[in-house]
């Protein structure tokens, strides 16, 4: 069963409500290449979900995490959303375990 929510809009058109944050996760490998050149896809599971990325939108109740901040969260949290232009994760602010100081 697919766990990704697909929406027909750009990520820049989405405005999270209240305590939610929209994050573009860091690129992580979805496939590996063997020494002989065979490309092997990795299974998408909770174990290989991204746990860090960049804030691209935030709800009105969030003031301490700026847009553009690099953040980290547990791999069990968030809703995977596939926009027209990218794949993102929607998290509640309480899921953020830390962010890079500027």
N, C-alpha and C. Protein backbone atom coordinates (compact mmCIF):
# COMPACT_ATOMS: atom_id res chain seq x y z
N UNK A 1 0.85 -1.18 0.00
CA UNK A 1 0.00 0.00 0.00
C UNK A 1 0.89 1.24 0.00
N UNK A 2 0.60 2.15 -0.89
CA UNK A 2 1.35 3.40 -1.02
C UNK A 2 0.98 4.34 0.12
N UNK A 3 1.98 4.95 0.73
CA UNK A 3 1.75 5.86 1.87
C UNK A 3 1.91 7.32 1.48
N UNK A 4 2.15 7.62 0.20
CA UNK A 4 2.35 8.99 -0.24
C UNK A 4 1.05 9.60 -0.73
N UNK A 5 0.77 10.80 -0.26
CA UNK A 5 -0.40 11.56 -0.71
C UNK A 5 0.01 12.35 -1.94
N UNK A 6 -0.69 12.19 -3.05
CA UNK A 6 -0.39 12.94 -4.27
C UNK A 6 -1.39 14.07 -4.43
N UNK A 7 -0.86 15.26 -4.76
CA UNK A 7 -1.72 16.41 -4.98
C UNK A 7 -1.31 17.10 -6.28
N UNK A 8 -2.27 17.65 -6.97
CA UNK A 8 -2.04 18.33 -8.26
C UNK A 8 -1.85 19.82 -8.04
N UNK A 9 -0.73 20.17 -7.40
CA UNK A 9 -0.36 21.57 -7.20
C UNK A 9 1.14 21.63 -6.98
N UNK A 10 1.68 22.82 -7.11
CA UNK A 10 3.10 23.03 -6.82
C UNK A 10 3.29 23.15 -5.31
N UNK A 11 4.46 22.78 -4.85
CA UNK A 11 4.74 22.89 -3.41
C UNK A 11 4.67 24.35 -2.95
N UNK A 12 4.99 25.29 -3.83
CA UNK A 12 4.96 26.71 -3.48
C UNK A 12 3.53 27.25 -3.35
N UNK A 13 2.54 26.50 -3.80
CA UNK A 13 1.14 26.90 -3.68
C UNK A 13 0.51 26.41 -2.38
N UNK A 14 1.22 25.60 -1.63
CA UNK A 14 0.69 24.99 -0.41
C UNK A 14 1.05 25.82 0.81
N UNK A 15 0.06 26.16 1.63
CA UNK A 15 0.29 26.90 2.87
C UNK A 15 -0.13 26.02 4.04
N UNK A 16 0.84 25.56 4.85
CA UNK A 16 0.48 24.75 6.02
C UNK A 16 -0.32 25.58 7.03
N UNK A 17 -1.19 24.92 7.75
CA UNK A 17 -1.98 25.59 8.78
C UNK A 17 -1.28 25.51 10.13
N UNK A 18 -1.48 26.52 10.91
CA UNK A 18 -1.12 26.59 12.33
C UNK A 18 0.26 26.04 12.66
N UNK A 19 0.33 24.82 13.24
CA UNK A 19 1.58 24.27 13.75
C UNK A 19 2.28 23.31 12.79
N UNK A 20 1.90 23.33 11.52
CA UNK A 20 2.49 22.42 10.54
C UNK A 20 3.60 23.08 9.74
N UNK A 21 4.57 22.25 9.33
CA UNK A 21 5.74 22.69 8.57
C UNK A 21 5.88 21.80 7.35
N UNK A 22 6.08 22.41 6.18
CA UNK A 22 6.33 21.66 4.95
C UNK A 22 7.83 21.65 4.69
N UNK A 23 8.38 20.46 4.51
CA UNK A 23 9.82 20.28 4.39
C UNK A 23 10.16 19.54 3.11
N UNK A 24 11.18 20.03 2.42
CA UNK A 24 11.72 19.30 1.28
C UNK A 24 12.88 18.47 1.83
N UNK A 25 12.73 17.14 1.86
CA UNK A 25 13.78 16.31 2.44
C UNK A 25 15.04 16.31 1.60
N UNK A 26 16.16 16.02 2.28
CA UNK A 26 17.42 15.85 1.56
C UNK A 26 17.26 14.68 0.60
N UNK A 27 17.94 14.78 -0.52
CA UNK A 27 17.94 13.66 -1.45
C UNK A 27 18.60 12.47 -0.78
N UNK A 28 17.95 11.34 -0.87
CA UNK A 28 18.56 10.12 -0.40
C UNK A 28 18.44 9.08 -1.51
N UNK A 29 19.40 8.20 -1.55
CA UNK A 29 19.46 7.24 -2.64
C UNK A 29 18.23 6.34 -2.66
N UNK A 30 17.63 6.21 -3.83
CA UNK A 30 16.52 5.30 -4.01
C UNK A 30 16.98 4.04 -4.74
N UNK A 31 18.26 4.05 -5.11
CA UNK A 31 18.83 2.89 -5.77
C UNK A 31 20.32 2.87 -5.53
N UNK A 32 20.89 1.68 -5.65
CA UNK A 32 22.34 1.53 -5.53
C UNK A 32 22.85 0.84 -6.77
N UNK A 33 24.11 1.01 -7.04
CA UNK A 33 24.75 0.38 -8.17
C UNK A 33 25.79 -0.61 -7.66
N UNK A 34 25.72 -1.85 -8.15
CA UNK A 34 26.69 -2.86 -7.74
C UNK A 34 28.01 -2.61 -8.47
N UNK A 35 29.10 -3.21 -8.00
CA UNK A 35 30.39 -3.04 -8.68
C UNK A 35 30.36 -3.42 -10.16
N UNK A 36 29.47 -4.33 -10.53
CA UNK A 36 29.38 -4.74 -11.94
C UNK A 36 28.48 -3.82 -12.76
N UNK A 37 27.87 -2.80 -12.10
CA UNK A 37 27.05 -1.83 -12.83
C UNK A 37 25.56 -2.09 -12.81
N UNK A 38 25.12 -3.12 -12.11
CA UNK A 38 23.69 -3.41 -12.02
C UNK A 38 23.06 -2.42 -11.04
N UNK A 39 21.96 -1.79 -11.45
CA UNK A 39 21.25 -0.83 -10.60
C UNK A 39 20.15 -1.58 -9.86
N UNK A 40 20.20 -1.50 -8.53
CA UNK A 40 19.24 -2.21 -7.68
C UNK A 40 18.42 -1.18 -6.93
N UNK A 41 17.08 -1.16 -7.13
CA UNK A 41 16.24 -0.21 -6.39
C UNK A 41 16.16 -0.62 -4.92
N UNK A 42 16.16 0.38 -4.05
CA UNK A 42 15.99 0.12 -2.63
C UNK A 42 14.51 0.13 -2.32
N UNK A 43 14.07 -0.75 -1.46
CA UNK A 43 12.67 -0.78 -1.05
C UNK A 43 12.38 0.45 -0.21
N UNK A 44 11.26 1.10 -0.49
CA UNK A 44 10.86 2.26 0.31
C UNK A 44 10.20 1.74 1.58
N UNK A 45 10.81 1.99 2.70
CA UNK A 45 10.25 1.56 3.97
C UNK A 45 10.49 2.65 4.99
N UNK A 46 9.95 2.46 6.16
CA UNK A 46 10.13 3.43 7.23
C UNK A 46 11.61 3.55 7.61
N UNK A 47 12.39 2.50 7.34
CA UNK A 47 13.80 2.52 7.70
C UNK A 47 14.62 3.44 6.81
N UNK A 48 14.17 3.69 5.58
CA UNK A 48 14.96 4.54 4.69
C UNK A 48 14.30 5.88 4.42
N UNK A 49 13.32 6.24 5.23
CA UNK A 49 12.70 7.56 5.08
C UNK A 49 13.68 8.65 5.47
N UNK A 50 13.61 9.79 4.80
CA UNK A 50 14.50 10.89 5.18
C UNK A 50 14.18 11.40 6.58
N UNK A 51 15.19 11.91 7.24
CA UNK A 51 15.01 12.47 8.59
C UNK A 51 15.59 13.87 8.70
N UNK A 52 15.90 14.47 7.55
CA UNK A 52 16.40 15.85 7.57
C UNK A 52 16.04 16.52 6.25
N UNK A 53 15.93 17.84 6.29
CA UNK A 53 15.59 18.57 5.09
C UNK A 53 15.47 20.06 5.36
N UNK A 54 14.93 20.77 4.38
CA UNK A 54 14.84 22.23 4.43
C UNK A 54 13.39 22.67 4.50
N UNK A 55 13.09 23.60 5.41
CA UNK A 55 11.74 24.14 5.56
C UNK A 55 11.41 25.00 4.35
N UNK A 56 10.29 24.69 3.67
CA UNK A 56 9.90 25.51 2.53
C UNK A 56 8.62 26.30 2.78
N UNK A 57 7.85 25.92 3.83
CA UNK A 57 6.66 26.69 4.22
C UNK A 57 6.35 26.32 5.67
N UNK A 58 5.71 27.25 6.38
CA UNK A 58 5.36 27.00 7.77
C UNK A 58 4.03 27.64 8.11
N UNK A 59 3.37 27.07 9.11
CA UNK A 59 2.10 27.60 9.56
C UNK A 59 2.25 28.88 10.36
N UNK A 60 1.15 29.55 10.59
CA UNK A 60 1.15 30.86 11.24
C UNK A 60 1.58 30.83 12.70
N UNK A 61 1.50 29.68 13.37
CA UNK A 61 1.87 29.60 14.78
C UNK A 61 3.36 29.34 15.00
N UNK A 62 4.13 29.18 13.93
CA UNK A 62 5.55 28.86 14.06
C UNK A 62 6.38 30.11 13.80
N UNK A 63 7.12 30.53 14.83
CA UNK A 63 7.94 31.74 14.71
C UNK A 63 9.43 31.47 14.89
N UNK A 64 9.79 30.37 15.53
CA UNK A 64 11.19 30.14 15.88
C UNK A 64 11.96 29.31 14.86
N UNK A 65 11.30 28.74 13.87
CA UNK A 65 11.99 27.97 12.83
C UNK A 65 11.79 28.69 11.50
N UNK A 66 12.84 29.31 10.97
CA UNK A 66 12.67 30.11 9.75
C UNK A 66 12.56 29.25 8.49
N UNK A 67 11.93 29.82 7.48
CA UNK A 67 11.90 29.19 6.16
C UNK A 67 13.34 29.13 5.66
N UNK A 68 13.72 28.01 5.11
CA UNK A 68 15.09 27.80 4.66
C UNK A 68 15.97 27.10 5.68
N UNK A 69 15.45 26.92 6.91
CA UNK A 69 16.23 26.26 7.96
C UNK A 69 16.38 24.77 7.65
N UNK A 70 17.53 24.22 7.99
CA UNK A 70 17.79 22.80 7.90
C UNK A 70 17.32 22.17 9.20
N UNK A 71 16.37 21.21 9.13
CA UNK A 71 15.77 20.62 10.33
C UNK A 71 15.91 19.10 10.31
N UNK A 72 15.72 18.50 11.50
CA UNK A 72 15.76 17.04 11.63
C UNK A 72 14.53 16.59 12.41
N UNK A 73 14.07 15.36 12.12
CA UNK A 73 12.89 14.79 12.77
C UNK A 73 13.04 13.27 12.82
N UNK A 74 12.25 12.58 13.66
CA UNK A 74 12.27 11.12 13.70
C UNK A 74 11.71 10.53 12.40
N UNK A 75 12.23 9.39 11.98
CA UNK A 75 11.78 8.81 10.70
C UNK A 75 10.36 8.27 10.74
N UNK A 76 9.73 8.23 11.90
CA UNK A 76 8.37 7.71 12.00
C UNK A 76 7.31 8.81 11.85
N UNK A 77 7.73 10.07 11.84
CA UNK A 77 6.78 11.18 11.83
C UNK A 77 6.58 11.74 10.43
N UNK A 78 5.44 12.38 10.24
CA UNK A 78 5.19 13.13 9.02
C UNK A 78 4.32 12.42 8.00
N UNK A 79 3.80 13.22 7.10
CA UNK A 79 2.98 12.76 5.98
C UNK A 79 3.75 13.04 4.70
N UNK A 80 3.98 12.00 3.91
CA UNK A 80 4.67 12.16 2.63
C UNK A 80 3.68 12.71 1.61
N UNK A 81 4.06 13.82 0.96
CA UNK A 81 3.20 14.45 -0.04
C UNK A 81 3.99 14.60 -1.33
N UNK A 82 3.41 14.16 -2.42
CA UNK A 82 4.04 14.31 -3.73
C UNK A 82 3.33 15.42 -4.48
N UNK A 83 4.03 16.56 -4.61
CA UNK A 83 3.53 17.69 -5.39
C UNK A 83 3.96 17.52 -6.84
N UNK A 84 3.51 18.39 -7.72
CA UNK A 84 3.90 18.35 -9.12
C UNK A 84 5.41 18.53 -9.26
N UNK A 85 5.99 19.43 -8.44
CA UNK A 85 7.40 19.78 -8.59
C UNK A 85 8.37 19.07 -7.66
N UNK A 86 7.90 18.44 -6.60
CA UNK A 86 8.81 17.75 -5.68
C UNK A 86 8.04 16.89 -4.69
N UNK A 87 8.79 16.05 -3.98
CA UNK A 87 8.22 15.27 -2.89
C UNK A 87 8.59 15.96 -1.59
N UNK A 88 7.62 16.11 -0.69
CA UNK A 88 7.84 16.81 0.57
C UNK A 88 7.28 16.00 1.73
N UNK A 89 7.57 16.47 2.92
CA UNK A 89 7.03 15.87 4.14
C UNK A 89 6.36 16.98 4.95
N UNK A 90 5.15 16.71 5.40
CA UNK A 90 4.42 17.65 6.25
C UNK A 90 4.51 17.15 7.68
N UNK A 91 5.04 18.00 8.57
CA UNK A 91 5.26 17.64 9.97
C UNK A 91 4.59 18.63 10.90
N UNK A 92 4.26 18.18 12.10
CA UNK A 92 3.88 19.11 13.15
C UNK A 92 5.15 19.67 13.75
N UNK A 93 5.10 20.90 14.23
CA UNK A 93 6.28 21.54 14.80
C UNK A 93 6.88 20.70 15.92
N UNK A 94 6.04 20.03 16.72
CA UNK A 94 6.55 19.24 17.84
C UNK A 94 7.39 18.05 17.38
N UNK A 95 7.32 17.68 16.11
CA UNK A 95 8.12 16.58 15.59
C UNK A 95 9.56 16.99 15.30
N UNK A 96 9.81 18.28 15.16
CA UNK A 96 11.14 18.77 14.87
C UNK A 96 12.02 18.58 16.10
N UNK A 97 13.12 17.84 15.95
CA UNK A 97 14.00 17.59 17.09
C UNK A 97 15.16 18.58 17.14
N UNK A 98 15.34 19.35 16.08
CA UNK A 98 16.38 20.36 16.09
C UNK A 98 16.57 20.97 14.72
N UNK A 99 17.27 22.11 14.69
CA UNK A 99 17.57 22.74 13.41
C UNK A 99 18.92 23.42 13.48
N UNK A 100 19.51 23.64 12.32
CA UNK A 100 20.85 24.22 12.24
C UNK A 100 20.80 25.69 12.61
N UNK A 101 21.67 26.07 13.53
CA UNK A 101 21.76 27.48 13.94
C UNK A 101 22.33 28.29 12.79
N UNK A 102 21.82 29.50 12.65
CA UNK A 102 22.30 30.39 11.58
C UNK A 102 23.41 31.26 12.09
